[in-house]
Amino acid sequence: MYYIVGSRLRNIALLAASLFFYTWGEGGYVLLMLTSIVLNYLFGLAIEYASSYRRRVIALSAAVTVNLLILFYFKYFNFVIENINLLALHLDISPLQPIESHLPIGISFFTFQALSYIIDIFRKTIAVQHNPLKLGLYIASFPQLIAGPIVRYHDVAKQLEHRQHTLDDIAIGVERFICGLGKKVLIANVMAEMADHIFAAPSSELSIATAWLGIVCYTMQIYFDFSGYSDMAIGLGRMFGFHFLENFNYPYFSQSIREFWQRWHISLSNWFRDYLYIPLGGNRVSPLRTYINLLIVFILCGSWHGASWNFLVWGLMHGLFIALERWKLATYLALMPPFIRHLYTMLIVIVGWVFFRAETMEQAFSYLGAMLGIGSDPQVNPWILNRADNLVFFTLAVAIVFSVPSMRMLYQKVFPCGVVKYPDGSRCSTIMMSCRLVSVVGILIFSSLSLASGTYNPFIYFRF
């Protein structure tokens, strides 16, 4: 439909498809998204045409406040009420009633995109968008609406006005989408079933090996699930002529927590850096203030992922280690072999994922105890062995191999010289291109079979 309607109607067709897509999953909550589009369109005009700097600040403050209040109401209001009620139990005060609301899918993503648009207008780094349909397409575009990446307006502003459509872009987009689909369906879903099975059991019934298997499976699940969705979004966008920025760059190949965040969820890291860390003073202030800024950023980063103390602890943990690395730890790490640096990074990341995956703080600490052999069963339970079949261990091995740039390094060894130029600019031999084609077709077939068979297919972004 997008290509049939012609160039003048393509933005409208894509916006209509995006709103239909969101309505299919959220029903009447599409009105919330439409409200966000209209309000931010008006706020953008108010900032652009304010007659004085003071009025620009007032308009910006109103825009940021409204966007954050909407996010707070749907995502954090009940969390605050629950904690107030816990305090009320000790003070003999009548508890407050939580609201009966449903968290709209993707609200964190499209709210942050809207905020980046408003703030960039205030900074005069972009021009205001006078066409509400184009702004609506930017906020509601379905490829990255549900699970990112967080697209910044200035990265796609020109593409909203005009973009090229080529067979090369379609080819790259199709391949990228299929690879992302394979990550999600063939790897993440298999890892998820094993991880969910183990985390559902009481920690006292887990052996050390079982507990580590569960969290390692979850470590692979969240990477291949999240990066798979990003790949699908980038691939879909490419089919429509949009060039979205990369969101993951082999984060499990990192040798420090700082490097991990340069490779993990890059769009979110950059958002917090540009719109929170730098305005707070960044590293231009005293060392102590810099460390405090880092902690603030990562605590808020944790809370962005969900309304739970677990996410706050996860964010605080990463912020502490980045602050420590900025202080002196990075100097000591540089003296260690790469293997030790990588082991240190993965240990911190894996422990952090325990807080991210656990439902409560109590479960997180008891699970960590099981990983250390504290209060756990020393024997591997038979029900775990029944679930951990050859498919699980084969998929885990494949996940570990593909979580680092092993194939890229292999290609460079096997195909050092290219004779055919691939559409994305890389040079490949005819054999390599044939292998890629066979691999992509195979991934598509097996992913389709898996989806058709109705196998385990969890959606882990309901908190976003």
Protein backbone atom coordinates (compact mmCIF):
# COMPACT_ATOMS: atom_id res chain seq x y z
CA MET A 1 0.00 0.00 0.00
CA TYR A 2 2.85 2.35 0.92
CA TYR A 3 4.42 2.13 -2.53
CA ILE A 4 1.14 2.07 -4.44
CA VAL A 5 -0.26 5.36 -3.10
CA GLY A 6 2.55 7.48 -4.50
CA SER A 7 5.08 9.83 -2.94
CA ARG A 8 2.60 12.52 -1.83
CA LEU A 9 0.49 10.16 0.26
CA ARG A 10 3.18 7.87 1.64
CA ASN A 11 3.54 9.69 4.96
CA ILE A 12 -0.23 9.65 5.43
CA ALA A 13 -0.41 5.95 4.56
CA LEU A 14 2.37 5.14 7.00
CA LEU A 15 0.78 7.24 9.76
CA ALA A 16 -2.59 5.56 9.18
CA ALA A 17 -0.95 2.13 9.33
CA SER A 18 0.87 3.10 12.53
CA LEU A 19 -2.32 4.28 14.24
CA PHE A 20 -4.14 1.14 13.09
CA PHE A 21 -1.26 -0.96 14.44
CA TYR A 22 -1.44 0.76 17.83
CA THR A 23 -5.25 0.57 17.94
CA TRP A 24 -5.07 -3.16 17.20
CA GLY A 25 -2.99 -3.67 20.35
CA GLU A 26 -4.35 -0.94 22.63
CA GLY A 27 -7.85 -0.07 21.51
CA GLY A 28 -9.05 3.26 22.87
CA TYR A 29 -5.61 4.18 24.20
CA VAL A 30 -4.78 5.33 20.69
CA LEU A 31 -6.57 8.52 21.78
CA LEU A 32 -3.79 9.06 24.32
CA MET A 33 -1.22 8.90 21.55
CA LEU A 34 -3.25 11.28 19.39
CA THR A 35 -3.49 13.65 22.35
CA SER A 36 0.29 13.48 22.78
CA ILE A 37 0.78 14.29 19.10
CA VAL A 38 -1.57 17.28 19.17
CA LEU A 39 -0.22 18.69 22.44
CA ASN A 40 3.42 18.41 21.39
CA TYR A 41 2.63 19.94 18.01
CA LEU A 42 1.09 22.94 19.79
CA PHE A 43 3.89 23.12 22.35
CA GLY A 44 6.45 23.14 19.53
CA LEU A 45 4.72 26.07 17.85
CA ALA A 46 4.43 27.92 21.18
CA ILE A 47 8.19 27.57 21.83
CA GLU A 48 9.13 28.54 18.30
CA TYR A 49 6.98 31.67 18.16
CA ALA A 50 7.33 32.86 21.75
CA SER A 51 8.07 36.57 21.79
CA SER A 52 10.70 36.40 24.54
CA TYR A 53 13.14 33.98 26.10
CA ARG A 54 11.05 33.93 29.28
CA ARG A 55 7.98 32.80 27.35
CA ARG A 56 10.05 30.15 25.58
CA VAL A 57 11.09 28.80 28.97
CA ILE A 58 7.49 28.83 30.18
CA ALA A 59 6.32 26.96 27.07
CA LEU A 60 9.15 24.42 27.42
CA SER A 61 8.39 23.90 31.11
CA ALA A 62 4.72 23.36 30.35
CA ALA A 63 5.54 20.86 27.59
CA VAL A 64 7.96 18.85 29.73
CA THR A 65 5.58 18.91 32.69
CA VAL A 66 2.59 17.69 30.68
CA ASN A 67 4.54 14.89 29.02
CA LEU A 68 6.03 13.70 32.29
CA LEU A 69 2.70 13.94 34.14
CA ILE A 70 1.07 11.70 31.54
CA LEU A 71 3.93 9.22 31.89
CA PHE A 72 3.81 9.44 35.69
CA TYR A 73 0.06 8.93 35.88
CA PHE A 74 0.01 5.74 33.84
CA LYS A 75 3.34 4.29 34.87
CA TYR A 76 4.29 5.42 38.38
CA PHE A 77 1.15 6.63 40.17
CA ASN A 78 0.16 3.24 41.58
CA PHE A 79 3.78 2.52 42.53
CA VAL A 80 3.84 5.70 44.62
CA ILE A 81 0.45 4.84 46.15
CA GLU A 82 1.66 1.35 47.09
CA ASN A 83 4.68 2.76 48.90
CA ILE A 84 2.60 5.43 50.65
CA ASN A 85 0.23 2.70 51.82
CA LEU A 86 3.14 0.70 53.21
CA LEU A 87 4.12 3.75 55.24
CA ALA A 88 0.50 4.30 56.24
CA LEU A 89 0.39 0.84 57.86
CA HIS A 90 3.00 1.96 60.38
CA LEU A 91 1.34 5.34 60.98
CA ASP A 92 -2.19 3.98 61.38
CA ILE A 93 -3.46 6.05 58.45
CA SER A 94 -6.17 4.97 56.05
CA PRO A 95 -4.63 3.65 52.83
CA LEU A 96 -5.10 5.40 49.51
CA GLN A 97 -6.93 3.72 46.68
CA PRO A 98 -4.85 2.93 43.58
CA ILE A 99 -6.24 3.87 40.19
CA GLU A 100 -7.53 1.23 37.83
CA SER A 101 -5.46 2.02 34.75
CA HIS A 102 -3.69 0.07 32.07
CA LEU A 103 -0.11 0.96 31.11
CA PRO A 104 -0.26 1.92 27.41
CA ILE A 105 2.23 -0.05 25.35
CA GLY A 106 5.29 1.92 24.32
CA ILE A 107 4.40 5.01 26.36
CA SER A 108 7.99 5.43 27.58
CA PHE A 109 9.31 5.34 24.04
CA PHE A 110 6.95 7.80 22.38
CA THR A 111 7.06 10.16 25.40
CA PHE A 112 10.85 10.36 25.24
CA GLN A 113 10.72 10.94 21.49
CA ALA A 114 8.24 13.78 22.00
CA LEU A 115 10.44 15.32 24.71
CA SER A 116 13.51 15.24 22.47
CA TYR A 117 11.52 17.09 19.79
CA ILE A 118 10.34 19.78 22.20
CA ILE A 119 13.75 20.28 23.85
CA ASP A 120 15.59 20.46 20.52
CA ILE A 121 13.18 23.18 19.34
CA PHE A 122 13.96 25.15 22.49
CA ARG A 123 17.70 24.69 21.87
CA LYS A 124 17.18 25.78 18.25
CA THR A 125 18.96 22.68 16.97
CA ILE A 126 15.92 21.84 14.80
CA ALA A 127 13.15 23.77 13.09
CA VAL A 128 9.59 23.35 14.29
CA GLN A 129 7.46 20.94 12.26
CA HIS A 130 4.46 22.82 10.85
CA ASN A 131 2.79 19.73 9.44
CA PRO A 132 1.01 17.84 12.27
CA LEU A 133 0.82 14.68 10.14
CA LYS A 134 4.60 14.53 9.81
CA LEU A 135 5.05 15.08 13.53
CA GLY A 136 2.44 12.40 14.14
CA LEU A 137 4.37 10.01 11.93
CA TYR A 138 7.56 10.74 13.88
CA ILE A 139 5.90 9.98 17.23
CA ALA A 140 3.67 7.08 16.16
CA SER A 141 5.75 5.34 13.47
CA PHE A 142 5.02 1.66 14.04
CA PRO A 143 8.43 0.08 13.26
CA GLN A 144 10.06 1.37 16.46
CA LEU A 145 6.95 2.34 18.45
CA ILE A 146 6.78 -0.68 20.76
CA ALA A 147 10.38 -1.50 21.62
CA GLY A 148 12.63 1.20 20.23
CA PRO A 149 15.10 2.41 19.28
CA ILE A 150 14.30 5.89 20.58
CA VAL A 151 14.51 7.93 17.39
CA ARG A 152 15.61 11.55 17.76
CA TYR A 153 13.73 14.05 15.61
CA HIS A 154 16.84 15.65 14.15
CA ASP A 155 17.96 12.24 12.87
CA VAL A 156 14.84 11.80 10.72
CA ALA A 157 13.66 15.38 10.13
CA LYS A 158 14.92 15.48 6.54
CA GLN A 159 13.65 11.97 5.89
CA LEU A 160 10.14 13.00 6.95
CA GLU A 161 10.24 15.61 4.19
CA HIS A 162 11.92 13.52 1.52
CA ARG A 163 13.53 10.10 1.42
CA GLN A 164 14.82 7.84 -1.28
CA HIS A 165 13.49 4.36 -1.94
CA THR A 166 15.80 1.86 -3.61
CA LEU A 167 15.88 -1.88 -4.11
CA ASP A 168 19.15 -1.92 -2.19
CA ASP A 169 17.44 -0.36 0.84
CA ILE A 170 14.59 -2.86 0.60
CA ALA A 171 17.09 -5.74 0.37
CA ILE A 172 19.02 -4.51 3.41
CA GLY A 173 15.77 -3.90 5.29
CA VAL A 174 14.37 -7.36 4.54
CA GLU A 175 17.60 -9.07 5.61
CA ARG A 176 17.83 -6.99 8.80
CA PHE A 177 14.20 -7.67 9.68
CA ILE A 178 14.56 -11.43 9.19
CA CYS A 179 17.72 -11.55 11.29
CA GLY A 180 15.93 -9.66 14.07
CA LEU A 181 12.97 -12.00 13.81
CA GLY A 182 15.31 -14.98 14.13
CA LYS A 183 16.95 -13.45 17.20
CA LYS A 184 13.57 -13.06 18.87
CA VAL A 185 11.85 -16.29 17.83
CA LEU A 186 14.66 -18.82 17.51
CA ILE A 187 16.97 -17.69 20.33
CA ALA A 188 15.27 -15.34 22.80
CA ASN A 189 12.07 -17.37 23.09
CA VAL A 190 13.93 -20.62 23.78
CA MET A 191 16.07 -18.90 26.40
CA ALA A 192 12.98 -17.24 27.89
CA GLU A 193 11.15 -20.50 28.45
CA MET A 194 14.09 -21.93 30.41
CA ALA A 195 14.68 -18.72 32.38
CA ASP A 196 11.01 -18.30 33.27
CA HIS A 197 10.80 -21.92 34.38
CA ILE A 198 13.75 -21.51 36.76
CA PHE A 199 12.75 -18.09 38.11
CA ALA A 200 9.25 -19.41 38.83
CA ALA A 201 10.67 -21.99 41.24
CA PRO A 202 11.45 -21.18 44.91
CA SER A 203 15.10 -20.21 45.26
CA SER A 204 15.50 -22.77 48.05
CA GLU A 205 14.88 -25.53 45.48
CA LEU A 206 17.58 -24.31 43.09
CA SER A 207 21.10 -25.66 42.98
CA ILE A 208 24.03 -23.37 42.18
CA ALA A 209 24.22 -24.72 38.63
CA THR A 210 20.47 -24.31 38.10
CA ALA A 211 20.46 -20.73 39.37
CA TRP A 212 23.36 -19.80 37.10
CA LEU A 213 21.70 -21.53 34.15
CA GLY A 214 18.54 -19.49 34.74
CA ILE A 215 20.25 -16.11 34.85
CA VAL A 216 22.59 -16.90 31.94
CA CYS A 217 19.56 -17.88 29.87
CA TYR A 218 17.88 -14.61 30.84
CA THR A 219 21.07 -12.71 29.97
CA MET A 220 20.87 -14.15 26.47
CA GLN A 221 17.10 -13.72 26.29
CA ILE A 222 17.02 -10.00 27.02
CA TYR A 223 19.85 -9.23 24.60
CA PHE A 224 18.48 -11.22 21.67
CA ASP A 225 14.91 -10.13 22.40
CA PHE A 226 15.74 -6.43 22.65
CA SER A 227 18.33 -6.31 19.88
CA GLY A 228 16.05 -8.49 17.75
CA TYR A 229 13.23 -5.97 18.05
CA SER A 230 15.67 -3.16 17.25
CA ASP A 231 16.88 -5.05 14.17
CA MET A 232 13.30 -5.54 13.02
CA ALA A 233 12.55 -1.84 13.57
CA ILE A 234 15.67 -0.73 11.71
CA GLY A 235 14.90 -3.18 8.89
CA LEU A 236 11.27 -2.07 8.57
CA GLY A 237 12.33 1.56 8.66
CA ARG A 238 14.85 0.91 5.88
CA MET A 239 12.07 -0.57 3.71
CA PHE A 240 10.20 2.73 4.09
CA GLY A 241 13.32 4.81 3.36
CA PHE A 242 14.17 5.70 6.97
CA HIS A 243 17.72 5.22 8.23
CA PHE A 244 17.44 4.66 11.98
CA LEU A 245 20.63 4.65 14.03
CA GLU A 246 22.02 1.45 15.51
CA ASN A 247 20.80 0.53 18.99
CA PHE A 248 23.09 -2.37 19.97
CA ASN A 249 26.73 -3.06 19.21
CA TYR A 250 27.64 -6.38 20.85
CA PRO A 251 27.38 -5.14 24.46
CA TYR A 252 28.50 -8.50 25.87
CA PHE A 253 31.84 -7.95 24.16
CA SER A 254 32.55 -5.03 26.52
CA GLN A 255 35.47 -4.82 28.93
CA SER A 256 33.98 -2.28 31.33
CA ILE A 257 30.56 -1.15 32.45
CA ARG A 258 31.14 2.18 30.77
CA GLU A 259 31.82 0.43 27.48
CA PHE A 260 28.76 -1.76 28.05
CA TRP A 261 26.55 1.34 28.08
CA GLN A 262 28.22 2.61 24.94
CA ARG A 263 27.06 -0.59 23.26
CA TRP A 264 23.75 -1.40 25.04
CA HIS A 265 20.49 0.40 24.12
CA ILE A 266 22.53 3.17 22.54
CA SER A 267 19.52 5.37 21.78
CA LEU A 268 18.48 5.43 25.45
CA SER A 269 22.04 6.04 26.66
CA ASN A 270 22.42 8.96 24.25
CA TRP A 271 19.04 10.36 25.28
CA PHE A 272 19.95 10.46 28.97
CA ARG A 273 23.40 11.83 28.15
CA ASP A 274 22.12 14.72 26.01
CA TYR A 275 18.96 15.63 27.89
CA LEU A 276 19.89 14.93 31.51
CA TYR A 277 23.59 14.25 32.16
CA ILE A 278 24.98 17.20 30.20
CA PRO A 279 22.34 19.70 31.47
CA LEU A 280 23.20 18.60 35.02
CA GLY A 281 26.78 19.62 34.33
CA GLY A 282 28.13 16.34 32.99
CA ASN A 283 31.84 16.02 33.67
CA ARG A 284 32.43 19.77 33.53
CA VAL A 285 31.82 20.09 37.25
CA SER A 286 33.75 18.83 40.28
CA PRO A 287 34.50 15.07 40.48
CA LEU A 288 32.03 14.61 43.34
CA ARG A 289 29.27 16.37 41.43
CA THR A 290 30.09 14.28 38.36
CA TYR A 291 29.65 11.08 40.36
CA ILE A 292 26.33 12.37 41.72
CA ASN A 293 25.21 13.23 38.18
CA LEU A 294 26.01 9.69 37.05
CA LEU A 295 24.01 8.20 39.91
CA ILE A 296 21.04 10.47 39.17
CA VAL A 297 21.10 9.50 35.50
CA PHE A 298 21.25 5.77 36.14
CA ILE A 299 18.64 5.80 38.90
CA LEU A 300 16.28 7.52 36.47
CA CYS A 301 17.38 5.14 33.73
CA GLY A 302 16.42 2.25 35.98
CA SER A 303 13.04 3.78 36.81
CA TRP A 304 12.40 4.35 33.08
CA HIS A 305 12.37 0.58 32.62
CA GLY A 306 9.60 0.02 35.15
CA ALA A 307 7.89 1.18 38.34
CA SER A 308 9.66 -1.12 40.79
CA TRP A 309 12.42 -0.90 43.38
CA ASN A 310 14.21 -3.66 41.48
CA PHE A 311 14.75 -1.39 38.50
CA LEU A 312 15.96 1.43 40.74
CA VAL A 313 18.52 -0.89 42.34
CA TRP A 314 19.58 -2.15 38.90
CA GLY A 315 20.14 1.41 37.70
CA LEU A 316 21.92 2.42 40.91
CA MET A 317 24.21 -0.58 40.63
CA HIS A 318 25.29 0.34 37.10
CA GLY A 319 25.69 3.98 38.09
CA LEU A 320 27.92 3.04 41.03
CA PHE A 321 30.26 0.96 38.91
CA ILE A 322 30.49 3.62 36.21
CA ALA A 323 31.31 6.18 38.92
CA LEU A 324 33.94 3.80 40.36
CA GLU A 325 35.45 3.28 36.92
CA ARG A 326 35.57 7.02 36.40
CA TRP A 327 37.25 7.42 39.79
CA LYS A 328 40.10 4.89 39.79
CA LEU A 329 38.78 1.47 38.87
CA ALA A 330 39.31 2.01 35.12
CA THR A 331 43.02 2.60 35.75
CA TYR A 332 43.33 -0.74 37.53
CA LEU A 333 41.25 -2.51 34.88
CA ALA A 334 43.59 -1.25 32.16
CA LEU A 335 46.45 -3.16 33.83
CA MET A 336 44.54 -6.45 33.68
CA PRO A 337 44.34 -8.90 30.74
CA PRO A 338 41.33 -8.44 28.41
CA PHE A 339 39.84 -11.74 29.60
CA ILE A 340 39.74 -10.51 33.22
CA ARG A 341 38.20 -7.20 32.18
CA HIS A 342 35.54 -9.03 30.19
CA LEU A 343 34.86 -11.42 33.07
CA TYR A 344 34.47 -8.48 35.48
CA THR A 345 32.03 -6.75 33.14
CA MET A 346 29.87 -9.81 32.52
CA LEU A 347 29.75 -10.65 36.22
CA ILE A 348 28.39 -7.18 37.04
CA VAL A 349 25.95 -7.30 34.13
CA ILE A 350 24.66 -10.78 35.04
CA VAL A 351 24.19 -9.89 38.72
CA GLY A 352 22.37 -6.76 37.61
CA TRP A 353 20.03 -8.80 35.42
CA VAL A 354 18.92 -10.71 38.54
CA PHE A 355 17.36 -7.49 39.89
CA PHE A 356 15.98 -6.70 36.45
CA ARG A 357 14.30 -10.11 36.07
CA ALA A 358 13.11 -10.78 39.63
CA GLU A 359 9.58 -9.72 40.53
CA THR A 360 10.52 -8.43 44.00
CA MET A 361 13.61 -7.42 45.94
CA GLU A 362 13.14 -10.43 48.17
CA GLN A 363 13.23 -12.78 45.19
CA ALA A 364 16.29 -11.01 43.78
CA PHE A 365 18.33 -11.46 46.96
CA SER A 366 17.19 -15.04 47.49
CA TYR A 367 18.09 -15.84 43.89
CA LEU A 368 21.53 -14.28 44.33
CA GLY A 369 21.88 -16.46 47.41
CA ALA A 370 21.09 -19.53 45.32
CA MET A 371 23.78 -18.49 42.83
CA LEU A 372 26.25 -18.45 45.73
CA GLY A 373 24.93 -21.67 47.25
CA ILE A 374 23.34 -19.89 50.23
CA GLY A 375 20.00 -21.37 51.30
CA SER A 376 19.70 -23.43 48.13
CA ASP A 377 19.39 -27.10 47.22
CA PRO A 378 22.82 -28.63 46.48
CA GLN A 379 21.26 -31.16 44.09
CA VAL A 380 20.04 -30.40 40.58
CA ASN A 381 16.30 -31.07 40.60
CA PRO A 382 14.95 -33.59 38.07
CA TRP A 383 12.29 -31.18 36.80
CA ILE A 384 15.06 -28.83 35.69
CA LEU A 385 16.84 -31.61 33.85
CA ASN A 386 13.60 -32.50 32.07
CA ARG A 387 13.26 -28.95 30.72
CA ALA A 388 16.94 -28.41 29.94
CA ASP A 389 17.00 -30.55 26.79
CA ASN A 390 19.43 -30.53 23.88
CA LEU A 391 17.58 -27.65 22.20
CA VAL A 392 18.13 -25.40 25.22
CA PHE A 393 21.86 -26.09 25.43
CA PHE A 394 22.32 -25.88 21.66
CA THR A 395 20.46 -22.55 21.56
CA LEU A 396 22.47 -21.27 24.54
CA ALA A 397 25.72 -22.16 22.75
CA VAL A 398 24.52 -20.40 19.58
CA ALA A 399 23.45 -17.37 21.64
CA ILE A 400 26.86 -17.08 23.30
CA VAL A 401 28.63 -17.32 19.93
CA PHE A 402 26.42 -14.69 18.30
CA SER A 403 26.40 -12.33 21.30
CA VAL A 404 29.94 -11.32 20.32
CA PRO A 405 31.19 -10.34 16.84
CA SER A 406 32.46 -13.86 16.19
CA MET A 407 30.92 -14.12 12.71
CA ARG A 408 32.34 -10.76 11.70
CA MET A 409 35.81 -11.89 12.72
CA LEU A 410 35.28 -15.22 10.95
CA TYR A 411 34.24 -13.47 7.74
CA GLN A 412 37.37 -11.35 7.87
CA LYS A 413 39.47 -14.50 8.20
CA VAL A 414 37.70 -16.60 5.57
CA PHE A 415 36.85 -13.87 3.06
CA PRO A 416 39.68 -11.34 3.30
CA CYS A 417 39.13 -10.11 -0.26
CA GLY A 418 35.77 -9.23 -1.76
CA VAL A 419 34.75 -9.44 -5.38
CA VAL A 420 31.14 -8.36 -5.01
CA LYS A 421 29.96 -5.17 -3.32
CA TYR A 422 26.97 -5.74 -1.06
CA PRO A 423 24.25 -3.03 -0.96
CA ASP A 424 25.23 -1.84 2.51
CA GLY A 425 28.71 -0.95 1.26
CA SER A 426 30.62 -3.96 2.55
CA ARG A 427 32.57 -6.11 0.13
CA CYS A 428 31.76 -9.80 0.00
CA SER A 429 32.81 -12.78 -2.05
CA THR A 430 30.23 -14.61 -4.13
CA ILE A 431 30.46 -17.54 -1.72
CA MET A 432 29.83 -15.28 1.25
CA MET A 433 26.80 -13.67 -0.39
CA SER A 434 25.41 -17.13 -1.19
CA CYS A 435 25.89 -18.17 2.44
CA ARG A 436 24.12 -15.04 3.62
CA LEU A 437 21.20 -15.67 1.27
CA VAL A 438 20.82 -19.29 2.37
CA SER A 439 21.10 -18.28 6.03
CA VAL A 440 18.47 -15.55 5.77
CA VAL A 441 16.02 -17.80 3.94
CA GLY A 442 16.59 -20.54 6.51
CA ILE A 443 16.02 -18.13 9.41
CA LEU A 444 12.77 -16.93 7.83
CA ILE A 445 11.49 -20.48 7.30
CA PHE A 446 12.30 -21.71 10.79
CA SER A 447 10.99 -18.50 12.41
CA SER A 448 7.73 -18.80 10.49
CA LEU A 449 7.36 -22.44 11.48
CA SER A 450 8.00 -21.56 15.12
CA LEU A 451 5.40 -18.79 15.08
CA ALA A 452 2.87 -20.96 13.24
CA SER A 453 3.26 -23.73 15.78
CA GLY A 454 2.32 -21.32 18.58
CA THR A 455 5.45 -21.91 20.65
CA TYR A 456 6.35 -19.80 23.69
CA ASN A 457 6.43 -16.14 22.62
CA PRO A 458 6.66 -13.74 25.61
CA PHE A 459 6.37 -9.97 25.35
CA ILE A 460 8.75 -8.45 27.91
CA TYR A 461 8.14 -4.74 27.19
CA PHE A 462 4.80 -4.41 28.98
CA ARG A 463 6.56 -2.32 31.66
CA PHE A 464 7.70 0.23 29.08
